[in-house]
Amino acid sequence: MSDQLAVTETVIPGFYIINLVVHGDNRGWFKENYQKEKMEALGLPAFEVVQNNFSYNKEVGVTRGLHAEPWEKFISVANGRVFGAWVDLRPGGSYGQTLSLEITPDIAVFVPRGVANGYQTLEENVTYTYLVNAHWSADAKYTFVNLFDPALGIEWPIGREQAIISEKDAGQPLLADLESEPNNG
């Protein structure tokens, strides 16, 4: 747990890890989950939030993704722990680059548009939340890639056989089967 707010860019260009300060005592804890002025001063891109989404996950092993949407996301958890995984699906030199890490109440991430996002719950009753800078639309262009594509090299803590996954996510294409470097907006 950090005692100082920090913003760090990763191997995926435009993808940031944010170390949040969590203040706790015998009653519980408090954190500033997103603070525009402070985070932008530390290098986070300007980000105008238009929607806040929550995903409640009852069981260990709930696995969602990998979805690349046409907007940026600021992801955190209100409680619990998730294993997050990302794949850069934008045209260019970082296409296919992966990154994974554990997200806890003191760790958040900023995901640029065109980077596929997925996660797996490591505890029961996890509340996963994300801010976005564009409104959801049924007409939005998404790009999907299979969570368990061996070419991605993602080491999910809970294997495919035990993961709780939707049919839709399980049936997504392998990276090699996508159009070469699709344009994700």
C-alpha atoms as a PDB file:
ATOM      1  CA  MET A   1       0.000   0.000   0.000  1.00  0.00           C
ATOM      2  CA  SER A   2       1.391   3.361  -1.030  1.00  0.00           C
ATOM      3  CA  ASP A   3       1.366   6.520   1.051  1.00  0.00           C
ATOM      4  CA  GLN A   4       1.775   8.673  -2.054  1.00  0.00           C
ATOM      5  CA  LEU A   5      -0.247   8.966  -5.268  1.00  0.00           C
ATOM      6  CA  ALA A   6       1.783   7.821  -8.289  1.00  0.00           C
ATOM      7  CA  VAL A   7       1.085   7.454 -12.028  1.00  0.00           C
ATOM      8  CA  THR A   8       3.356   5.203 -14.115  1.00  0.00           C
ATOM      9  CA  GLU A   9       3.215   4.450 -17.851  1.00  0.00           C
ATOM     10  CA  THR A  10       3.702   0.776 -18.813  1.00  0.00           C
ATOM     11  CA  VAL A  11       5.052  -1.241 -21.762  1.00  0.00           C
ATOM     12  CA  ILE A  12       1.747  -0.563 -23.546  1.00  0.00           C
ATOM     13  CA  PRO A  13       1.900   3.068 -24.712  1.00  0.00           C
ATOM     14  CA  GLY A  14      -0.784   5.195 -23.088  1.00  0.00           C
ATOM     15  CA  PHE A  15      -1.572   2.538 -20.461  1.00  0.00           C
ATOM     16  CA  TYR A  16      -0.959   3.730 -16.900  1.00  0.00           C
ATOM     17  CA  ILE A  17      -0.874   2.146 -13.459  1.00  0.00           C
ATOM     18  CA  ILE A  18      -2.090   4.425 -10.689  1.00  0.00           C
ATOM     19  CA  ASN A  19      -1.008   3.791  -7.087  1.00  0.00           C
ATOM     20  CA  LEU A  20      -3.786   5.203  -4.944  1.00  0.00           C
ATOM     21  CA  VAL A  21      -3.514   6.286  -1.323  1.00  0.00           C
ATOM     22  CA  VAL A  22      -5.907   4.372   0.935  1.00  0.00           C
ATOM     23  CA  HIS A  23      -6.485   5.791   4.416  1.00  0.00           C
ATOM     24  CA  GLY A  24      -7.716   3.157   6.854  1.00  0.00           C
ATOM     25  CA  ASP A  25      -8.575   2.721  10.493  1.00  0.00           C
ATOM     26  CA  ASN A  26     -10.759   0.484  12.653  1.00  0.00           C
ATOM     27  CA  ARG A  27     -13.872   1.660  10.756  1.00  0.00           C
ATOM     28  CA  GLY A  28     -12.636   0.715   7.289  1.00  0.00           C
ATOM     29  CA  TRP A  29     -10.931   2.853   4.633  1.00  0.00           C
ATOM     30  CA  PHE A  30     -11.274   5.884   2.343  1.00  0.00           C
ATOM     31  CA  LYS A  31      -9.567   6.752  -0.944  1.00  0.00           C
ATOM     32  CA  GLU A  32      -9.764   9.360  -3.664  1.00  0.00           C
ATOM     33  CA  ASN A  33     -10.394   6.912  -6.489  1.00  0.00           C
ATOM     34  CA  TYR A  34     -10.071   9.463  -9.284  1.00  0.00           C
ATOM     35  CA  GLN A  35      -8.829  13.006  -8.820  1.00  0.00           C
ATOM     36  CA  LYS A  36      -8.409  14.705 -12.207  1.00  0.00           C
ATOM     37  CA  GLU A  37      -6.142  17.601 -11.243  1.00  0.00           C
ATOM     38  CA  LYS A  38      -3.705  15.560  -9.132  1.00  0.00           C
ATOM     39  CA  MET A  39      -3.512  12.632 -11.558  1.00  0.00           C
ATOM     40  CA  GLU A  40      -3.055  14.778 -14.659  1.00  0.00           C
ATOM     41  CA  ALA A  41      -0.268  16.678 -12.869  1.00  0.00           C
ATOM     42  CA  LEU A  42       1.468  13.289 -12.439  1.00  0.00           C
ATOM     43  CA  GLY A  43       1.161  12.406 -16.148  1.00  0.00           C
ATOM     44  CA  LEU A  44      -2.246  10.776 -16.594  1.00  0.00           C
ATOM     45  CA  PRO A  45      -3.799  11.935 -19.895  1.00  0.00           C
ATOM     46  CA  ALA A  46      -6.666  14.414 -19.778  1.00  0.00           C
ATOM     47  CA  PHE A  47      -9.801  12.354 -19.300  1.00  0.00           C
ATOM     48  CA  GLU A  48     -13.356  13.694 -19.318  1.00  0.00           C
ATOM     49  CA  VAL A  49     -15.591  11.228 -17.502  1.00  0.00           C
ATOM     50  CA  VAL A  50     -19.104  10.836 -18.961  1.00  0.00           C
ATOM     51  CA  GLN A  51     -20.165   7.501 -17.470  1.00  0.00           C
ATOM     52  CA  ASN A  52     -19.381   5.399 -14.373  1.00  0.00           C
ATOM     53  CA  ASN A  53     -20.006   1.632 -14.548  1.00  0.00           C
ATOM     54  CA  PHE A  54     -19.964  -1.087 -11.898  1.00  0.00           C
ATOM     55  CA  SER A  55     -19.731  -4.833 -12.336  1.00  0.00           C
ATOM     56  CA  TYR A  56     -20.583  -6.945  -9.295  1.00  0.00           C
ATOM     57  CA  ASN A  57     -19.028 -10.405  -9.361  1.00  0.00           C
ATOM     58  CA  LYS A  58     -20.347 -12.896  -6.812  1.00  0.00           C
ATOM     59  CA  GLU A  59     -17.887 -15.777  -7.185  1.00  0.00           C
ATOM     60  CA  VAL A  60     -14.158 -16.389  -7.379  1.00  0.00           C
ATOM     61  CA  GLY A  61     -13.098 -17.071 -10.978  1.00  0.00           C
ATOM     62  CA  VAL A  62     -15.564 -14.821 -12.809  1.00  0.00           C
ATOM     63  CA  THR A  63     -13.645 -14.041 -16.003  1.00  0.00           C
ATOM     64  CA  ARG A  64     -14.635 -11.301 -18.447  1.00  0.00           C
ATOM     65  CA  GLY A  65     -13.031  -9.987 -21.641  1.00  0.00           C
ATOM     66  CA  LEU A  66     -10.935  -9.453 -23.670  1.00  0.00           C
ATOM     67  CA  HIS A  67     -12.802  -6.468 -25.130  1.00  0.00           C
ATOM     68  CA  ALA A  68     -11.292  -3.432 -26.865  1.00  0.00           C
ATOM     69  CA  GLU A  69     -13.748  -0.547 -26.870  1.00  0.00           C
ATOM     70  CA  PRO A  70     -13.649   2.808 -28.656  1.00  0.00           C
ATOM     71  CA  TRP A  71     -13.116   4.817 -25.441  1.00  0.00           C
ATOM     72  CA  GLU A  72     -10.646   5.173 -22.590  1.00  0.00           C
ATOM     73  CA  LYS A  73     -11.306   3.525 -19.220  1.00  0.00           C
ATOM     74  CA  PHE A  74     -10.146   4.250 -15.684  1.00  0.00           C
ATOM     75  CA  ILE A  75     -10.511   0.923 -13.847  1.00  0.00           C
ATOM     76  CA  SER A  76     -10.449   0.150 -10.143  1.00  0.00           C
ATOM     77  CA  VAL A  77     -12.138  -2.074  -7.594  1.00  0.00           C
ATOM     78  CA  ALA A  78     -14.331  -0.827  -4.777  1.00  0.00           C
ATOM     79  CA  ASN A  79     -13.555  -4.024  -2.886  1.00  0.00           C
ATOM     80  CA  GLY A  80     -11.763  -7.297  -3.451  1.00  0.00           C
ATOM     81  CA  ARG A  81      -9.034  -8.277  -5.887  1.00  0.00           C
ATOM     82  CA  VAL A  82      -8.961  -9.020  -9.598  1.00  0.00           C
ATOM     83  CA  PHE A  83      -6.309 -10.231 -11.975  1.00  0.00           C
ATOM     84  CA  GLY A  84      -6.384  -7.832 -14.930  1.00  0.00           C
ATOM     85  CA  ALA A  85      -5.053  -8.603 -18.409  1.00  0.00           C
ATOM     86  CA  TRP A  86      -4.707  -6.349 -21.455  1.00  0.00           C
ATOM     87  CA  VAL A  87      -3.715  -6.740 -25.102  1.00  0.00           C
ATOM     88  CA  ASP A  88      -2.844  -3.843 -27.375  1.00  0.00           C
ATOM     89  CA  LEU A  89      -4.951  -4.185 -30.542  1.00  0.00           C
ATOM     90  CA  ARG A  90      -4.079  -0.773 -31.996  1.00  0.00           C
ATOM     91  CA  PRO A  91      -2.087  -0.499 -35.214  1.00  0.00           C
ATOM     92  CA  GLY A  92       1.631  -0.002 -34.681  1.00  0.00           C
ATOM     93  CA  GLY A  93       4.685  -1.403 -32.989  1.00  0.00           C
ATOM     94  CA  SER A  94       2.955  -2.409 -29.754  1.00  0.00           C
ATOM     95  CA  TYR A  95       0.233  -4.467 -31.497  1.00  0.00           C
ATOM     96  CA  GLY A  96      -0.172  -7.764 -29.609  1.00  0.00           C
ATOM     97  CA  GLN A  97       1.730  -6.526 -26.519  1.00  0.00           C
ATOM     98  CA  THR A  98       0.214  -7.926 -23.314  1.00  0.00           C
ATOM     99  CA  LEU A  99       0.259  -6.788 -19.710  1.00  0.00           C
ATOM    100  CA  SER A 100      -1.236  -8.278 -16.568  1.00  0.00           C
ATOM    101  CA  LEU A 101      -1.379  -7.300 -12.905  1.00  0.00           C
ATOM    102  CA  GLU A 102      -3.502  -7.554  -9.805  1.00  0.00           C
ATOM    103  CA  ILE A 103      -5.911  -4.696  -9.125  1.00  0.00           C
ATOM    104  CA  THR A 104      -6.775  -4.008  -5.482  1.00  0.00           C
ATOM    105  CA  PRO A 105      -8.393  -0.969  -3.844  1.00  0.00           C
ATOM    106  CA  ASP A 106      -5.006   0.801  -3.881  1.00  0.00           C
ATOM    107  CA  ILE A 107      -4.178   0.054  -7.558  1.00  0.00           C
ATOM    108  CA  ALA A 108      -6.086   1.463 -10.549  1.00  0.00           C
ATOM    109  CA  VAL A 109      -5.303   1.468 -14.274  1.00  0.00           C
ATOM    110  CA  PHE A 110      -5.959   3.765 -17.214  1.00  0.00           C
ATOM    111  CA  VAL A 111      -6.637   1.824 -20.429  1.00  0.00           C
ATOM    112  CA  PRO A 112      -6.410   3.665 -23.770  1.00  0.00           C
ATOM    113  CA  ARG A 113      -8.967   3.037 -26.507  1.00  0.00           C
ATOM    114  CA  GLY A 114      -8.153   0.022 -28.654  1.00  0.00           C
ATOM    115  CA  VAL A 115      -6.490  -1.949 -25.853  1.00  0.00           C
ATOM    116  CA  ALA A 116      -8.478  -5.085 -25.022  1.00  0.00           C
ATOM    117  CA  ASN A 117      -9.385  -5.404 -21.360  1.00  0.00           C
ATOM    118  CA  GLY A 118     -10.171  -8.515 -19.330  1.00  0.00           C
ATOM    119  CA  TYR A 119     -10.217  -9.578 -15.713  1.00  0.00           C
ATOM    120  CA  GLN A 120     -10.705 -12.489 -13.370  1.00  0.00           C
ATOM    121  CA  THR A 121     -11.981 -12.257  -9.788  1.00  0.00           C
ATOM    122  CA  LEU A 122      -9.681 -13.580  -7.074  1.00  0.00           C
ATOM    123  CA  GLU A 123     -12.180 -13.188  -4.222  1.00  0.00           C
ATOM    124  CA  GLU A 124     -15.926 -13.460  -3.748  1.00  0.00           C
ATOM    125  CA  ASN A 125     -18.168 -10.392  -3.941  1.00  0.00           C
ATOM    126  CA  VAL A 126     -15.872  -8.134  -5.958  1.00  0.00           C
ATOM    127  CA  THR A 127     -17.139  -4.773  -7.176  1.00  0.00           C
ATOM    128  CA  TYR A 128     -15.215  -3.726 -10.298  1.00  0.00           C
ATOM    129  CA  THR A 129     -15.755  -0.162 -11.443  1.00  0.00           C
ATOM    130  CA  TYR A 130     -14.702   1.868 -14.444  1.00  0.00           C
ATOM    131  CA  LEU A 131     -15.038   5.434 -15.622  1.00  0.00           C
ATOM    132  CA  VAL A 132     -15.276   6.038 -19.377  1.00  0.00           C
ATOM    133  CA  ASN A 133     -14.995   9.100 -21.599  1.00  0.00           C
ATOM    134  CA  ALA A 134     -17.716   8.135 -24.101  1.00  0.00           C
ATOM    135  CA  HIS A 135     -21.234   6.882 -23.613  1.00  0.00           C
ATOM    136  CA  TRP A 136     -21.988   3.225 -24.239  1.00  0.00           C
ATOM    137  CA  SER A 137     -23.681   2.602 -27.559  1.00  0.00           C
ATOM    138  CA  ALA A 138     -25.002  -0.556 -29.195  1.00  0.00           C
ATOM    139  CA  ASP A 139     -23.478   0.774 -32.434  1.00  0.00           C
ATOM    140  CA  ALA A 140     -19.962   1.103 -30.989  1.00  0.00           C
ATOM    141  CA  LYS A 141     -17.242  -0.885 -32.747  1.00  0.00           C
ATOM    142  CA  TYR A 142     -15.642  -3.409 -30.416  1.00  0.00           C
ATOM    143  CA  THR A 143     -12.778  -5.768 -31.112  1.00  0.00           C
ATOM    144  CA  PHE A 144     -12.613  -9.019 -29.152  1.00  0.00           C
ATOM    145  CA  VAL A 145      -9.856 -11.556 -28.671  1.00  0.00           C
ATOM    146  CA  ASN A 146      -9.999 -14.902 -26.875  1.00  0.00           C
ATOM    147  CA  LEU A 147      -9.065 -14.739 -23.182  1.00  0.00           C
ATOM    148  CA  PHE A 148      -7.238 -18.035 -23.298  1.00  0.00           C
ATOM    149  CA  ASP A 149      -5.360 -17.624 -26.600  1.00  0.00           C
ATOM    150  CA  PRO A 150      -2.009 -19.370 -25.896  1.00  0.00           C
ATOM    151  CA  ALA A 151      -0.226 -16.897 -28.196  1.00  0.00           C
ATOM    152  CA  LEU A 152      -1.006 -14.095 -25.733  1.00  0.00           C
ATOM    153  CA  GLY A 153       0.878 -15.816 -22.917  1.00  0.00           C
ATOM    154  CA  ILE A 154      -1.524 -14.590 -20.237  1.00  0.00           C
ATOM    155  CA  GLU A 155      -1.110 -16.690 -17.084  1.00  0.00           C
ATOM    156  CA  TRP A 156      -4.620 -16.570 -15.627  1.00  0.00           C
ATOM    157  CA  PRO A 157      -4.557 -17.564 -11.934  1.00  0.00           C
ATOM    158  CA  ILE A 158      -7.662 -19.704 -12.463  1.00  0.00           C
ATOM    159  CA  GLY A 159      -7.531 -21.961 -15.515  1.00  0.00           C
ATOM    160  CA  ARG A 160     -10.112 -22.125 -18.271  1.00  0.00           C
ATOM    161  CA  GLU A 161     -11.686 -25.275 -16.827  1.00  0.00           C
ATOM    162  CA  GLN A 162     -12.500 -23.571 -13.503  1.00  0.00           C
ATOM    163  CA  ALA A 163     -13.160 -20.055 -14.839  1.00  0.00           C
ATOM    164  CA  ILE A 164     -16.715 -18.734 -14.896  1.00  0.00           C
ATOM    165  CA  ILE A 165     -16.980 -17.296 -18.402  1.00  0.00           C
ATOM    166  CA  SER A 166     -19.788 -16.368 -20.776  1.00  0.00           C
ATOM    167  CA  GLU A 167     -20.311 -18.315 -23.991  1.00  0.00           C
ATOM    168  CA  LYS A 168     -19.750 -15.097 -25.916  1.00  0.00           C
ATOM    169  CA  ASP A 169     -16.337 -14.452 -24.352  1.00  0.00           C
ATOM    170  CA  ALA A 170     -15.317 -18.123 -24.672  1.00  0.00           C
ATOM    171  CA  GLY A 171     -16.077 -18.049 -28.404  1.00  0.00           C
ATOM    172  CA  GLN A 172     -13.994 -15.020 -29.365  1.00  0.00           C
ATOM    173  CA  PRO A 173     -11.284 -15.358 -32.039  1.00  0.00           C
ATOM    174  CA  LEU A 174      -7.586 -15.923 -31.483  1.00  0.00           C
ATOM    175  CA  LEU A 175      -5.245 -12.982 -32.083  1.00  0.00           C
ATOM    176  CA  ALA A 176      -3.941 -14.658 -35.254  1.00  0.00           C
ATOM    177  CA  ASP A 177      -7.507 -14.797 -36.625  1.00  0.00           C
ATOM    178  CA  LEU A 178      -8.169 -11.057 -36.229  1.00  0.00           C
ATOM    179  CA  GLU A 179      -7.756  -8.739 -39.154  1.00  0.00           C
ATOM    180  CA  SER A 180      -4.140  -7.662 -39.142  1.00  0.00           C
ATOM    181  CA  GLU A 181      -3.892  -4.718 -36.779  1.00  0.00           C
ATOM    182  CA  PRO A 182      -7.558  -3.654 -36.842  1.00  0.00           C
ATOM    183  CA  ASN A 183      -8.459   0.006 -36.571  1.00  0.00           C
ATOM    184  CA  ASN A 184     -10.225   0.520 -33.265  1.00  0.00           C
ATOM    185  CA  GLY A 185     -11.074   4.177 -33.629  1.00  0.00           C
END
